[in-house]
Each structure stands twice: as C-alpha cells, then as structure tokens.
Amino acid sequence: MRIAIIADSHFSSTDAITCGKRHCGIADIIMRRAAFRIKRLIKPDVVVLLGDLVNDGDAADLATLLSHIKLIDVPIIAIPGNHDGNADAFYQVFPKPDAITDIAGVRFIVNAEHDEERPGYNAWRAPTGCDLIAAARKDWSGPIVALQHVPLFPTGSCDSPYNYLNADAICQSMAEQGVTLSISGHDHRGIPLFARNGVNYLVAPALCEMPFPITVVHLDGRKLSVHSEALRMPPELQLVDTHVHTRFAYCNENMAPERIAAFADAFGIASFRITEHSGHLLYSSKDYYTAQDRDLPVKPADRRLDDFIATMTAANIPAAWTGLEIDSRSDGRPLLSQADWNKVAFRIGAMHQLPSIHRKLELSEDQRRDEFLAILNHFLRYGFTSLAHPFRVFRRGKLPIPPGCFEPLVAMLKETRTAAEINFHTNEPPVEFFRLCIANGVKLTLGSDAHNLYEIGDFALHLDFLRQCGVDANLRDVLAL
C-alpha cells in the first residue's frame, strides 16, 4: 500500500501570493502540481488530505482544489481542518468517506466528525470517536491507519505544541487495538515517523510552505517507510527551464508573463527561457497549421510578435531569456523571417507537423522516416539551441517512431551543435535515443513546455528519466544550460 499525503494547503483566492511562509494565494497552482506529480510519478493506492485545505472555509476555494485533486484518479480520503469550516459544509464539496474505510487491504479510521477544537489550536476527541478504534479492529486482522487533522501522540513524546487534550487515552486505545499508524497534519513543520507502544506516529508537513512537500508512506503489513516528495526543485542543482510559454500561445491556460518569474523562483529554478510559438505570433489559430504546410502571407491583423517582445520587456523578463519556439515548415524552412529571427536572443526549433501526417497520406515506415529526417536535416542547419520534443510529432499522430530514426538524428544534432530537449508535455521521450545522445556527446536541455503555471520547472520526471539514461551524478556534464 502506498499512501500519498497532503496536509495544510491553506488556499485563499483572495490573499496575496504569500502570507509569511504560507503561499496561500498560489496554493491552487501548487495543488495542481501536486496532482500531476502524484498521478505521473508517485502512483499511490490512496491520497489522504489532512485538512486546512483552504484558509477561511470558502466553498468556492474548496471546489477549486477539488477540481485539481480529481485529476489524480485514485481513491481520496479528505478530512476537514480548523480552517475549512464545519464538517457538514466541507462535505458539501468533498466526498464524505465512511468513518471506517477499507482500501487495498488497509483499514482507515477517518476522524472527521468526532474531534472538537480546543484553545491553542488543540483538540479533544469525543467518546464516539474513541469507540471507532475498537470498532475498526472488530473482525479485521489487517493494518489500521488512523487519520486526523490535529497532531496526536503520547504526551511528551515529541515537541509539537499541538495535541489532543485526551491524547493519552486515545493512544492507549490505539496500542491495545494494534493500530499500525496514526497520521496527522496541522503542525506545519511536520514530525518524522516515530513509534510508541507499537503504534507509529507521523505528522505530515504543510504543502503551502517550501519546499511544498508531499509525504509518501509505504505500508507492507506492519513494515513502514516514509519519504517526502518536494514539489520545489533542489535549488543547488541550478536547473534551467528552456521551454516556457506565455499567454500569447493559443494553447496556454494561465501563463501571465508577469507571474512566470515568481513561480520559477518559488519552484527552485535558477532561470528560464520564454520560447513562444513563432507561428502563434504570426498567424491566427485557424491559419497556424496551414502555414506550416504551405507558404501563407502574414496578415497584419494577426501579427503579434512585436507586442510579445514588448510585453516580455514590460514584465521585466531579460532580453537574453526572451525567445521563440520556431516551427518547421514542411520543407524544413523556419516559420519565421530573417528579420524577425534577429529580434530575439534565444531560439529552439520544433516540428509540430509532419506533412504526410497532416495530409493523411499512407506511407511506409521507411518513407515516413526518410521524410522526417530530410526535413530536420534542412531545418537544424539554421541554428537552434535545442530541438524541442524530437519525436512528439509521431505521438501526436498516434503513430510509432519509425525504426532507424535515432542514429541519423543524433548525428545531425552533433554536427549542428544542437541540444536534444527532454520534454514530457503530452509526450514520452524515448530512453534509447537520449542514451545515444549522451554517448555521442550531444548535450541535453530540460523543457517543461509550460502552458500552465504549475508546470514551470517541474523536472521530477526529467530527473528520473536522466537516471534511467544512466546520469545520476553531475548534470552539468550532459546539460547544455
């Protein structure tokens, strides 16, 4: 059993971005990032939400968080905290779990309605709540996990300022009934796993405070291990996100340029590069794909490139960090004039459309491989820092990568001194190709391809991928930036 635990997100849509250490105003973005990390990398059997999800009990804010949490698509157990309003109102938004809930061979005691707040942000458990412990053990020989918002532990066993006024009686009952683990939130520092009288106690740290942790518990019978997944990248790695979009992308969700730098800093990224679609800045959304397949004049009313550059300047994004993701035309020419090329300092290349796929032509795998390589052989000679998502055009076309693509493309990248971008945005990069890049001295870049603020610099998958490629030491040896 793998349990992903989120505690104390304290989202408030009306607060400033930060409230001291608490990042209340961006907690919805942090929760979306957490949902993605849980779904793609942690892959738990259950997600436990330990209360204080919002800062002032606002139902609309709770609904916003739930919209992100639903993306995880595993069982959810949510309990309210002292900031979430009363339990009845909380469960008008979140699904209400049974007081005793069984998931994947583990029994959970959900203490949501039997705990009362006491002065000093402490709590007291009513007798009906205490009776749940014995009821949970009845006819059940497997592990039991008790959930509550306020920290629960034997008096004097740790330095948390919070506890239950009748903690010793509750803890004695848990010991008598063989409860395996008690998990709490509320104390934002968190308390590492410790054991007393056969019961393990854990307090999960707050999601709203750096490094924005998710606590992960592995439970195998009575064997326990705990680790933390930080949503913030380790600043000491000095990671650079070389692929970030803005509100100028037709496919963006919330990429306000003036907010990008703040999120990059909060998420531990050393720097970033804005790389907006060249075609989105020159053509309407209707004409964009047509323009990649044949020459199409730019209509003055559709041209937004100069406005884009001015907006980045107004947002205090350095000129050296302002660039373009330049689309390839069907013949390998860039979808950008030379005059516009010279207006930006940073350029990455991308193939978003392969002519035979766009035109729905029936080709053999060899023919499609030759078409792909011929276009890139011409395109890469214009000079780019990196080639974005090298093979995603096939994934988008619901086609396999044709055999024989990897070695020739590695040779082209090496000859043109172009880095290969690791990119997971609607994409699964092939390990074999990137191993070949590393073996042949082709540098790599990390691109979030962010279209939503939560994606900026989210490189957990990228770092795991590099380990699969055999890179687990000095990233500077393989990264171009």
Protein backbone atom coordinates (compact mmCIF):
# COMPACT_ATOMS: atom_id res chain seq x y z
CA MET A 1 0.00 0.00 0.00
CA ARG A 2 1.31 3.40 -0.99
CA ILE A 3 -0.30 6.45 0.62
CA ALA A 4 0.23 9.99 -0.70
CA ILE A 5 -0.46 12.59 1.99
CA ILE A 6 -1.23 16.26 1.50
CA ALA A 7 -1.68 18.48 4.53
CA ASP A 8 -2.40 22.17 5.06
CA SER A 9 -2.52 23.75 1.62
CA HIS A 10 -4.35 26.84 3.02
CA PHE A 11 -5.56 28.07 -0.37
CA SER A 12 -7.15 31.52 -0.47
CA SER A 13 -8.18 33.08 -3.76
CA THR A 14 -8.39 36.50 -2.07
CA ASP A 15 -4.99 36.51 -0.32
CA ALA A 16 -1.71 37.87 -1.55
CA ILE A 17 0.64 35.32 -3.07
CA THR A 18 2.29 34.71 0.30
CA CYS A 19 1.21 35.07 3.91
CA GLY A 20 4.58 34.91 5.63
CA LYS A 21 5.84 31.39 4.99
CA ARG A 22 2.46 30.31 3.66
CA HIS A 23 1.97 30.53 -0.09
CA CYS A 24 -1.81 30.76 0.28
CA GLY A 25 -2.50 32.75 -2.86
CA ILE A 26 -0.83 30.22 -5.16
CA ALA A 27 -1.86 27.07 -3.29
CA ASP A 28 -4.26 26.15 -6.09
CA ILE A 29 -1.32 26.08 -8.52
CA ILE A 30 0.73 24.10 -6.00
CA MET A 31 -2.14 21.62 -5.62
CA ARG A 32 -2.34 21.19 -9.40
CA ARG A 33 1.40 20.50 -9.45
CA ALA A 34 0.93 18.01 -6.62
CA ALA A 35 -1.85 16.25 -8.52
CA PHE A 36 0.38 15.88 -11.58
CA ARG A 37 3.31 14.58 -9.50
CA ILE A 38 1.10 12.08 -7.70
CA LYS A 39 -0.51 10.83 -10.90
CA ARG A 40 2.64 10.54 -13.02
CA LEU A 41 5.37 9.61 -10.56
CA ILE A 42 4.13 8.59 -7.09
CA LYS A 43 1.18 6.47 -8.29
CA PRO A 44 -0.35 5.74 -4.87
CA ASP A 45 -3.21 3.47 -3.89
CA VAL A 46 -4.90 6.30 -2.00
CA VAL A 47 -4.49 10.04 -1.47
CA VAL A 48 -5.13 11.39 2.02
CA LEU A 49 -5.97 15.08 2.51
CA LEU A 50 -5.44 16.01 6.15
CA GLY A 51 -7.34 19.28 6.40
CA ASP A 52 -6.79 23.04 6.29
CA LEU A 53 -7.10 22.75 2.55
CA VAL A 54 -8.33 26.34 2.41
CA ASN A 55 -7.59 29.32 4.62
CA ASP A 56 -11.06 30.56 5.52
CA GLY A 57 -13.62 27.83 4.81
CA ASP A 58 -14.61 29.28 1.43
CA ALA A 59 -16.68 26.73 -0.52
CA ALA A 60 -15.57 28.08 -3.91
CA ASP A 61 -11.92 27.70 -2.91
CA LEU A 62 -12.59 24.13 -1.78
CA ALA A 63 -14.23 23.42 -5.14
CA THR A 64 -11.20 24.84 -6.95
CA LEU A 65 -8.88 22.48 -5.10
CA LEU A 66 -11.18 19.52 -5.69
CA SER A 67 -11.10 20.20 -9.45
CA HIS A 68 -7.33 19.65 -9.36
CA ILE A 69 -7.43 16.69 -6.98
CA LYS A 70 -9.93 14.86 -9.19
CA LEU A 71 -7.23 14.63 -11.87
CA ILE A 72 -5.38 12.06 -9.77
CA ASP A 73 -7.98 9.34 -10.38
CA VAL A 74 -7.35 7.20 -7.28
CA PRO A 75 -9.42 6.92 -4.07
CA ILE A 76 -9.38 10.09 -1.98
CA ILE A 77 -9.92 10.41 1.77
CA ALA A 78 -10.40 14.03 2.82
CA ILE A 79 -10.93 15.35 6.34
CA PRO A 80 -11.54 18.98 7.32
CA GLY A 81 -9.20 21.07 9.46
CA ASN A 82 -9.90 24.05 11.66
CA HIS A 83 -9.62 26.44 8.68
CA ASP A 84 -12.03 24.50 6.45
CA GLY A 85 -15.30 25.37 8.16
CA ASN A 86 -17.56 22.82 9.79
CA ALA A 87 -17.60 19.23 8.61
CA ASP A 88 -21.11 19.43 7.13
CA ALA A 89 -20.15 22.36 4.89
CA PHE A 90 -16.84 20.73 3.96
CA TYR A 91 -18.59 17.56 2.83
CA GLN A 92 -20.99 19.53 0.69
CA VAL A 93 -17.96 19.96 -1.59
CA PHE A 94 -15.68 16.98 -0.95
CA PRO A 95 -16.98 13.41 -0.99
CA LYS A 96 -17.60 12.17 2.55
CA PRO A 97 -15.70 8.99 3.47
CA ASP A 98 -17.07 6.34 5.78
CA ALA A 99 -15.72 6.59 9.33
CA ILE A 100 -14.16 3.17 8.72
CA THR A 101 -12.90 2.85 5.15
CA ASP A 102 -11.10 -0.13 3.61
CA ILE A 103 -8.75 0.38 0.67
CA ALA A 104 -6.32 -2.18 -0.80
CA GLY A 105 -6.14 -4.29 2.35
CA VAL A 106 -5.72 -1.38 4.77
CA ARG A 107 -8.42 -0.11 7.13
CA PHE A 108 -8.58 3.64 7.70
CA ILE A 109 -10.20 5.29 10.73
CA VAL A 110 -11.42 8.67 9.50
CA ASN A 111 -11.74 11.09 12.41
CA ALA A 112 -13.68 13.87 10.72
CA GLU A 113 -16.74 14.50 12.89
CA HIS A 114 -15.79 13.34 16.39
CA ASP A 115 -12.99 15.82 17.11
CA GLU A 116 -13.63 19.22 18.67
CA GLU A 117 -11.35 22.24 18.64
CA ARG A 118 -9.85 23.42 21.92
CA PRO A 119 -7.88 26.57 22.87
CA GLY A 120 -4.37 26.87 21.46
CA TYR A 121 -5.41 25.05 18.26
CA ASN A 122 -5.54 21.78 20.16
CA ALA A 123 -8.35 19.21 20.03
CA TRP A 124 -10.44 16.81 22.07
CA ARG A 125 -11.98 13.56 20.87
CA ALA A 126 -15.49 12.63 21.89
CA PRO A 127 -16.18 9.11 23.25
CA THR A 128 -17.90 8.16 19.99
CA GLY A 129 -14.64 8.86 18.19
CA CYS A 130 -12.66 6.79 20.67
CA ASP A 131 -15.10 3.91 20.18
CA LEU A 132 -14.22 3.85 16.47
CA ILE A 133 -10.82 2.37 17.29
CA ALA A 134 -12.27 -0.79 18.82
CA ALA A 135 -14.93 -0.96 16.11
CA ALA A 136 -12.24 -0.83 13.42
CA ARG A 137 -10.42 -3.82 14.88
CA LYS A 138 -13.58 -5.95 15.09
CA ASP A 139 -13.40 -8.76 12.51
CA TRP A 140 -10.27 -7.18 10.99
CA SER A 141 -6.77 -8.61 11.32
CA GLY A 142 -5.00 -6.33 8.84
CA PRO A 143 -3.23 -2.99 9.31
CA ILE A 144 -5.18 0.00 10.62
CA VAL A 145 -4.30 3.63 9.89
CA ALA A 146 -5.88 6.44 11.95
CA LEU A 147 -6.33 9.85 10.31
CA GLN A 148 -6.92 13.21 11.98
CA HIS A 149 -6.04 16.85 11.40
CA VAL A 150 -4.55 17.86 14.77
CA PRO A 151 -1.36 16.00 15.78
CA LEU A 152 -1.99 13.01 18.02
CA PHE A 153 0.78 11.40 20.07
CA PRO A 154 1.50 10.28 23.65
CA THR A 155 2.06 13.27 25.92
CA GLY A 156 5.70 14.37 25.96
CA SER A 157 6.82 12.13 23.10
CA CYS A 158 7.62 14.99 20.69
CA ASP A 159 7.97 18.78 20.68
CA SER A 160 4.80 19.73 18.81
CA PRO A 161 2.81 22.48 20.57
CA TYR A 162 -0.45 20.82 19.47
CA ASN A 163 -2.16 17.66 20.68
CA TYR A 164 -5.43 16.21 21.93
CA LEU A 165 -6.37 17.01 25.49
CA ASN A 166 -7.25 13.33 25.93
CA ALA A 167 -4.33 12.11 23.80
CA ASP A 168 -3.05 9.51 26.27
CA ALA A 169 -6.40 7.73 26.44
CA ILE A 170 -6.69 7.72 22.64
CA CYS A 171 -3.12 6.48 22.18
CA GLN A 172 -3.60 3.74 24.77
CA SER A 173 -6.68 2.54 22.91
CA MET A 174 -4.77 2.54 19.61
CA ALA A 175 -1.99 0.49 21.20
CA GLU A 176 -4.48 -2.00 22.64
CA GLN A 177 -6.19 -2.43 19.27
CA GLY A 178 -2.95 -2.76 17.32
CA VAL A 179 -3.26 0.38 15.21
CA THR A 180 -0.31 0.42 12.83
CA LEU A 181 -0.04 4.12 12.04
CA SER A 182 -1.53 7.45 13.13
CA ILE A 183 -1.20 10.28 10.58
CA SER A 184 -1.89 13.94 11.35
CA GLY A 185 -1.33 17.41 9.87
CA HIS A 186 -1.76 20.91 11.38
CA ASP A 187 1.82 21.35 12.65
CA HIS A 188 3.36 22.84 9.51
CA ARG A 189 6.87 21.73 10.38
CA GLY A 190 5.84 18.09 10.34
CA ILE A 191 7.13 15.43 12.74
CA PRO A 192 9.13 12.47 11.41
CA LEU A 193 7.88 8.95 11.93
CA PHE A 194 8.38 7.58 15.45
CA ALA A 195 6.90 4.66 17.43
CA ARG A 196 5.48 4.33 20.93
CA ASN A 197 3.94 1.17 22.39
CA GLY A 198 3.72 -0.46 18.98
CA VAL A 199 1.95 2.46 17.29
CA ASN A 200 3.71 4.56 14.65
CA TYR A 201 3.06 8.31 14.66
CA LEU A 202 3.59 10.72 11.77
CA VAL A 203 2.77 14.39 11.21
CA ALA A 204 2.88 15.49 7.56
CA PRO A 205 4.40 18.94 6.86
CA ALA A 206 2.38 21.68 5.16
CA LEU A 207 2.04 21.76 1.39
CA CYS A 208 1.77 25.57 1.44
CA GLU A 209 5.32 26.06 2.73
CA MET A 210 8.57 25.44 0.87
CA PRO A 211 9.66 23.01 -0.41
CA PHE A 212 5.94 22.18 -0.94
CA PRO A 213 6.16 18.56 0.27
CA ILE A 214 4.00 15.54 -0.41
CA THR A 215 4.52 12.83 2.21
CA VAL A 216 4.56 9.27 0.88
CA VAL A 217 4.06 6.24 3.12
CA HIS A 218 4.85 2.70 2.01
CA LEU A 219 3.00 0.17 4.15
CA ASP A 220 3.60 -3.56 3.81
CA GLY A 221 1.82 -5.34 6.64
CA ARG A 222 3.37 -3.67 9.67
CA LYS A 223 6.52 -2.62 7.83
CA LEU A 224 6.66 1.12 7.22
CA SER A 225 8.81 3.55 5.31
CA VAL A 226 8.26 7.25 4.68
CA HIS A 227 9.77 9.70 2.23
CA SER A 228 8.99 13.22 1.08
CA GLU A 229 8.43 14.38 -2.50
CA ALA A 230 9.28 18.09 -2.74
CA LEU A 231 7.43 19.94 -5.48
CA ARG A 232 10.18 22.55 -5.42
CA MET A 233 13.27 21.54 -7.35
CA PRO A 234 16.54 21.48 -5.36
CA PRO A 235 18.00 24.99 -5.91
CA GLU A 236 21.54 23.64 -5.66
CA LEU A 237 21.01 21.82 -8.98
CA GLN A 238 20.75 25.22 -10.72
CA LEU A 239 18.23 23.88 -13.23
CA VAL A 240 17.17 25.94 -16.24
CA ASP A 241 13.77 25.58 -17.88
CA THR A 242 14.43 26.22 -21.57
CA HIS A 243 10.82 25.91 -22.76
CA VAL A 244 8.18 28.16 -21.20
CA HIS A 245 5.14 29.60 -22.98
CA THR A 246 3.08 32.71 -22.27
CA ARG A 247 -0.45 33.98 -22.72
CA PHE A 248 0.43 34.56 -26.39
CA ALA A 249 0.23 30.81 -27.04
CA TYR A 250 -3.20 29.79 -28.26
CA CYS A 251 -2.91 26.66 -26.11
CA ASN A 252 -1.89 28.43 -22.87
CA GLU A 253 -4.06 28.20 -19.76
CA ASN A 254 -2.90 30.90 -17.34
CA MET A 255 0.60 31.98 -18.41
CA ALA A 256 0.60 35.65 -17.44
CA PRO A 257 4.16 36.85 -18.21
CA GLU A 258 4.35 38.97 -15.06
CA ARG A 259 3.81 35.86 -12.89
CA ILE A 260 6.28 33.49 -14.56
CA ALA A 261 9.43 34.70 -12.80
CA ALA A 262 7.79 34.47 -9.36
CA PHE A 263 6.72 30.88 -9.97
CA ALA A 264 10.12 29.90 -11.36
CA ASP A 265 11.74 31.26 -8.20
CA ALA A 266 9.20 29.60 -5.90
CA PHE A 267 9.72 26.27 -7.65
CA GLY A 268 13.52 26.40 -7.28
CA ILE A 269 14.52 27.10 -10.89
CA ALA A 270 17.75 29.05 -11.45
CA SER A 271 16.47 30.65 -14.66
CA PHE A 272 14.09 30.08 -17.53
CA ARG A 273 13.69 30.87 -21.21
CA ILE A 274 10.49 32.11 -22.78
CA THR A 275 10.01 30.23 -26.04
CA GLU A 276 6.75 31.23 -27.66
CA HIS A 277 5.46 29.54 -30.81
CA SER A 278 6.65 31.59 -33.77
CA GLY A 279 3.56 30.58 -35.73
CA HIS A 280 1.20 31.71 -32.96
CA LEU A 281 2.73 35.18 -33.10
CA LEU A 282 2.33 35.48 -36.87
CA TYR A 283 -0.88 33.67 -37.75
CA SER A 284 -4.38 33.19 -36.43
CA SER A 285 -5.15 29.93 -34.68
CA LYS A 286 -7.08 28.91 -37.79
CA ASP A 287 -4.18 29.59 -40.17
CA TYR A 288 -1.36 28.30 -37.94
CA TYR A 289 -1.30 24.68 -39.15
CA THR A 290 -1.90 25.64 -42.77
CA ALA A 291 1.10 27.99 -42.62
CA GLN A 292 3.39 25.09 -41.66
CA ASP A 293 2.32 23.13 -44.73
CA ARG A 294 2.48 25.84 -47.40
CA ASP A 295 3.52 29.46 -47.83
CA LEU A 296 0.89 31.74 -46.39
CA PRO A 297 1.26 35.52 -46.13
CA VAL A 298 1.17 37.03 -42.65
CA LYS A 299 -1.87 39.23 -42.17
CA PRO A 300 -1.03 42.45 -40.31
CA ALA A 301 -4.04 41.96 -38.04
CA ASP A 302 -2.71 38.54 -36.93
CA ARG A 303 0.90 39.58 -36.32
CA ARG A 304 1.67 39.79 -32.58
CA LEU A 305 5.43 39.26 -32.46
CA ASP A 306 6.36 42.85 -31.64
CA ASP A 307 3.63 43.04 -28.98
CA PHE A 308 5.01 39.81 -27.50
CA ILE A 309 8.54 41.22 -27.22
CA ALA A 310 7.27 44.48 -25.71
CA THR A 311 5.16 42.55 -23.18
CA MET A 312 8.14 40.46 -22.07
CA THR A 313 10.16 43.65 -21.58
CA ALA A 314 7.35 45.19 -19.53
CA ALA A 315 7.25 42.02 -17.39
CA ASN A 316 10.99 42.51 -16.61
CA ILE A 317 11.97 39.32 -18.40
CA PRO A 318 15.57 39.78 -19.60
CA ALA A 319 16.05 40.06 -23.35
CA ALA A 320 18.51 37.16 -23.18
CA TRP A 321 15.72 34.99 -21.74
CA THR A 322 13.12 36.02 -24.32
CA GLY A 323 12.91 33.71 -27.30
CA LEU A 324 10.86 31.65 -29.68
CA GLU A 325 9.96 28.05 -30.34
CA ILE A 326 10.36 28.24 -34.10
CA ASP A 327 8.14 25.94 -36.11
CA SER A 328 9.45 23.97 -39.06
CA ARG A 329 7.70 24.35 -42.38
CA SER A 330 7.00 21.26 -44.46
CA ASP A 331 10.20 21.83 -46.47
CA GLY A 332 12.43 22.44 -43.44
CA ARG A 333 12.46 26.24 -43.57
CA PRO A 334 11.72 28.09 -40.32
CA LEU A 335 8.26 29.59 -39.94
CA LEU A 336 9.89 32.97 -39.32
CA SER A 337 11.52 35.64 -41.46
CA GLN A 338 15.19 36.50 -41.06
CA ALA A 339 14.27 39.98 -39.82
CA ASP A 340 12.10 38.52 -37.05
CA TRP A 341 14.72 35.86 -36.30
CA ASN A 342 17.13 38.63 -35.35
CA LYS A 343 14.69 40.20 -32.88
CA VAL A 344 15.12 37.52 -30.20
CA ALA A 345 18.19 36.17 -28.44
CA PHE A 346 17.07 32.60 -27.74
CA ARG A 347 15.68 30.11 -30.25
CA ILE A 348 14.65 26.49 -30.11
CA GLY A 349 13.38 24.53 -33.09
CA ALA A 350 10.34 22.27 -33.20
CA MET A 351 8.48 20.07 -35.63
CA HIS A 352 4.79 20.23 -34.79
CA GLN A 353 3.57 18.89 -38.10
CA LEU A 354 4.83 16.23 -40.49
CA PRO A 355 3.38 16.78 -43.97
CA SER A 356 2.36 13.17 -44.57
CA ILE A 357 0.53 13.02 -41.23
CA HIS A 358 -1.13 16.41 -41.75
CA ARG A 359 -2.23 15.43 -45.26
CA LYS A 360 -3.24 11.93 -44.11
CA LEU A 361 -1.02 10.20 -46.65
CA GLU A 362 -0.43 6.47 -46.50
CA LEU A 363 3.34 5.94 -46.27
CA SER A 364 5.51 3.03 -45.24
CA GLU A 365 7.56 3.39 -42.07
CA ASP A 366 10.71 3.78 -44.18
CA GLN A 367 9.13 6.56 -46.23
CA ARG A 368 7.91 8.36 -43.13
CA ARG A 369 11.36 8.05 -41.53
CA ASP A 370 13.03 9.49 -44.62
CA GLU A 371 10.54 12.37 -44.77
CA PHE A 372 11.10 13.20 -41.09
CA LEU A 373 14.89 13.10 -41.33
CA ALA A 374 15.04 15.07 -44.58
CA ILE A 375 13.04 17.95 -43.11
CA LEU A 376 15.12 18.06 -39.92
CA ASN A 377 18.38 17.81 -41.86
CA HIS A 378 17.48 21.09 -43.56
CA PHE A 379 15.81 22.72 -40.55
CA LEU A 380 18.58 22.15 -37.99
CA ARG A 381 21.15 23.92 -40.15
CA TYR A 382 19.52 27.26 -39.37
CA GLY A 383 20.98 27.02 -35.86
CA PHE A 384 18.98 26.41 -32.67
CA THR A 385 19.93 25.96 -29.04
CA SER A 386 17.86 22.78 -28.92
CA LEU A 387 15.36 20.64 -30.77
CA ALA A 388 12.15 20.52 -28.77
CA HIS A 389 10.39 17.17 -28.16
CA PRO A 390 12.21 15.49 -31.09
CA PHE A 391 9.71 12.69 -31.79
CA ARG A 392 6.44 14.02 -30.38
CA VAL A 393 5.05 14.59 -33.86
CA PHE A 394 4.61 10.81 -34.14
CA ARG A 395 2.93 10.50 -30.75
CA ARG A 396 0.52 13.30 -31.67
CA GLY A 397 -0.17 11.48 -34.93
CA LYS A 398 -0.82 8.24 -32.99
CA LEU A 399 2.00 6.54 -34.87
CA PRO A 400 5.09 4.68 -33.65
CA ILE A 401 8.50 6.24 -34.17
CA PRO A 402 9.77 4.69 -37.43
CA PRO A 403 12.78 2.39 -36.97
CA GLY A 404 16.09 3.89 -37.98
CA CYS A 405 15.42 7.47 -36.83
CA PHE A 406 17.64 7.64 -33.77
CA GLU A 407 21.20 7.32 -35.10
CA PRO A 408 20.80 9.74 -38.05
CA LEU A 409 19.15 12.39 -35.87
CA VAL A 410 21.87 12.09 -33.21
CA ALA A 411 24.44 12.65 -35.97
CA MET A 412 22.57 15.76 -37.19
CA LEU A 413 22.33 17.20 -33.69
CA LYS A 414 26.03 16.62 -33.11
CA GLU A 415 27.01 18.18 -36.44
CA THR A 416 24.85 21.28 -35.91
CA ARG A 417 25.68 21.54 -32.18
CA THR A 418 22.00 21.38 -31.29
CA ALA A 419 20.90 20.01 -27.92
CA ALA A 420 18.09 17.47 -27.58
CA GLU A 421 15.25 18.53 -25.30
CA ILE A 422 13.78 16.20 -22.67
CA ASN A 423 10.09 17.08 -22.67
CA PHE A 424 7.12 15.31 -21.03
CA HIS A 425 4.37 17.69 -22.14
CA THR A 426 1.87 15.27 -23.74
CA ASN A 427 4.97 13.29 -24.58
CA GLU A 428 7.05 10.25 -23.58
CA PRO A 429 10.67 10.72 -24.67
CA PRO A 430 12.45 7.53 -25.79
CA VAL A 431 15.22 6.46 -23.41
CA GLU A 432 17.24 4.74 -26.15
CA PHE A 433 17.52 7.95 -28.19
CA PHE A 434 18.72 10.05 -25.27
CA ARG A 435 21.23 7.40 -24.24
CA LEU A 436 22.63 7.65 -27.77
CA CYS A 437 22.78 11.44 -27.45
CA ILE A 438 24.76 11.18 -24.22
CA ALA A 439 27.09 8.52 -25.64
CA ASN A 440 27.82 10.72 -28.68
CA GLY A 441 28.36 13.94 -26.76
CA VAL A 442 25.09 15.62 -27.78
CA LYS A 443 24.02 17.96 -24.99
CA LEU A 444 20.54 17.91 -23.47
CA THR A 445 18.13 20.56 -22.23
CA LEU A 446 15.22 20.32 -19.80
CA GLY A 447 11.96 21.77 -21.08
CA SER A 448 8.72 21.87 -19.14
CA ASP A 449 6.89 23.19 -22.21
CA ALA A 450 4.80 25.01 -19.62
CA HIS A 451 1.34 26.06 -20.74
CA ASN A 452 0.13 26.31 -17.13
CA LEU A 453 1.98 27.96 -14.24
CA TYR A 454 2.10 24.71 -12.26
CA GLU A 455 4.32 23.16 -14.95
CA ILE A 456 7.17 25.68 -14.75
CA GLY A 457 10.39 23.87 -13.91
CA ASP A 458 8.62 20.68 -12.82
CA PHE A 459 11.51 18.38 -13.60
CA ALA A 460 10.83 15.40 -11.33
CA LEU A 461 10.06 13.23 -14.36
CA HIS A 462 13.06 14.66 -16.21
CA LEU A 463 15.47 13.85 -13.37
CA ASP A 464 14.03 10.34 -13.06
CA PHE A 465 14.42 9.98 -16.84
CA LEU A 466 18.08 11.05 -16.66
CA ARG A 467 18.67 8.35 -14.06
CA GLN A 468 17.15 5.84 -16.49
CA CYS A 469 19.63 7.14 -19.06
CA GLY A 470 22.49 6.44 -16.66
CA VAL A 471 23.01 10.02 -15.44
CA ASP A 472 22.91 10.25 -11.66
CA ALA A 473 25.91 12.39 -10.79
CA ASN A 474 26.97 15.72 -12.30
CA LEU A 475 24.16 17.02 -14.52
CA ARG A 476 26.48 19.72 -15.86
CA ASP A 477 28.26 17.01 -17.84
CA VAL A 478 25.19 16.43 -20.02
CA LEU A 479 23.12 19.64 -19.91
CA ALA A 480 23.63 22.48 -22.36
CA LEU A 481 22.20 25.03 -19.90
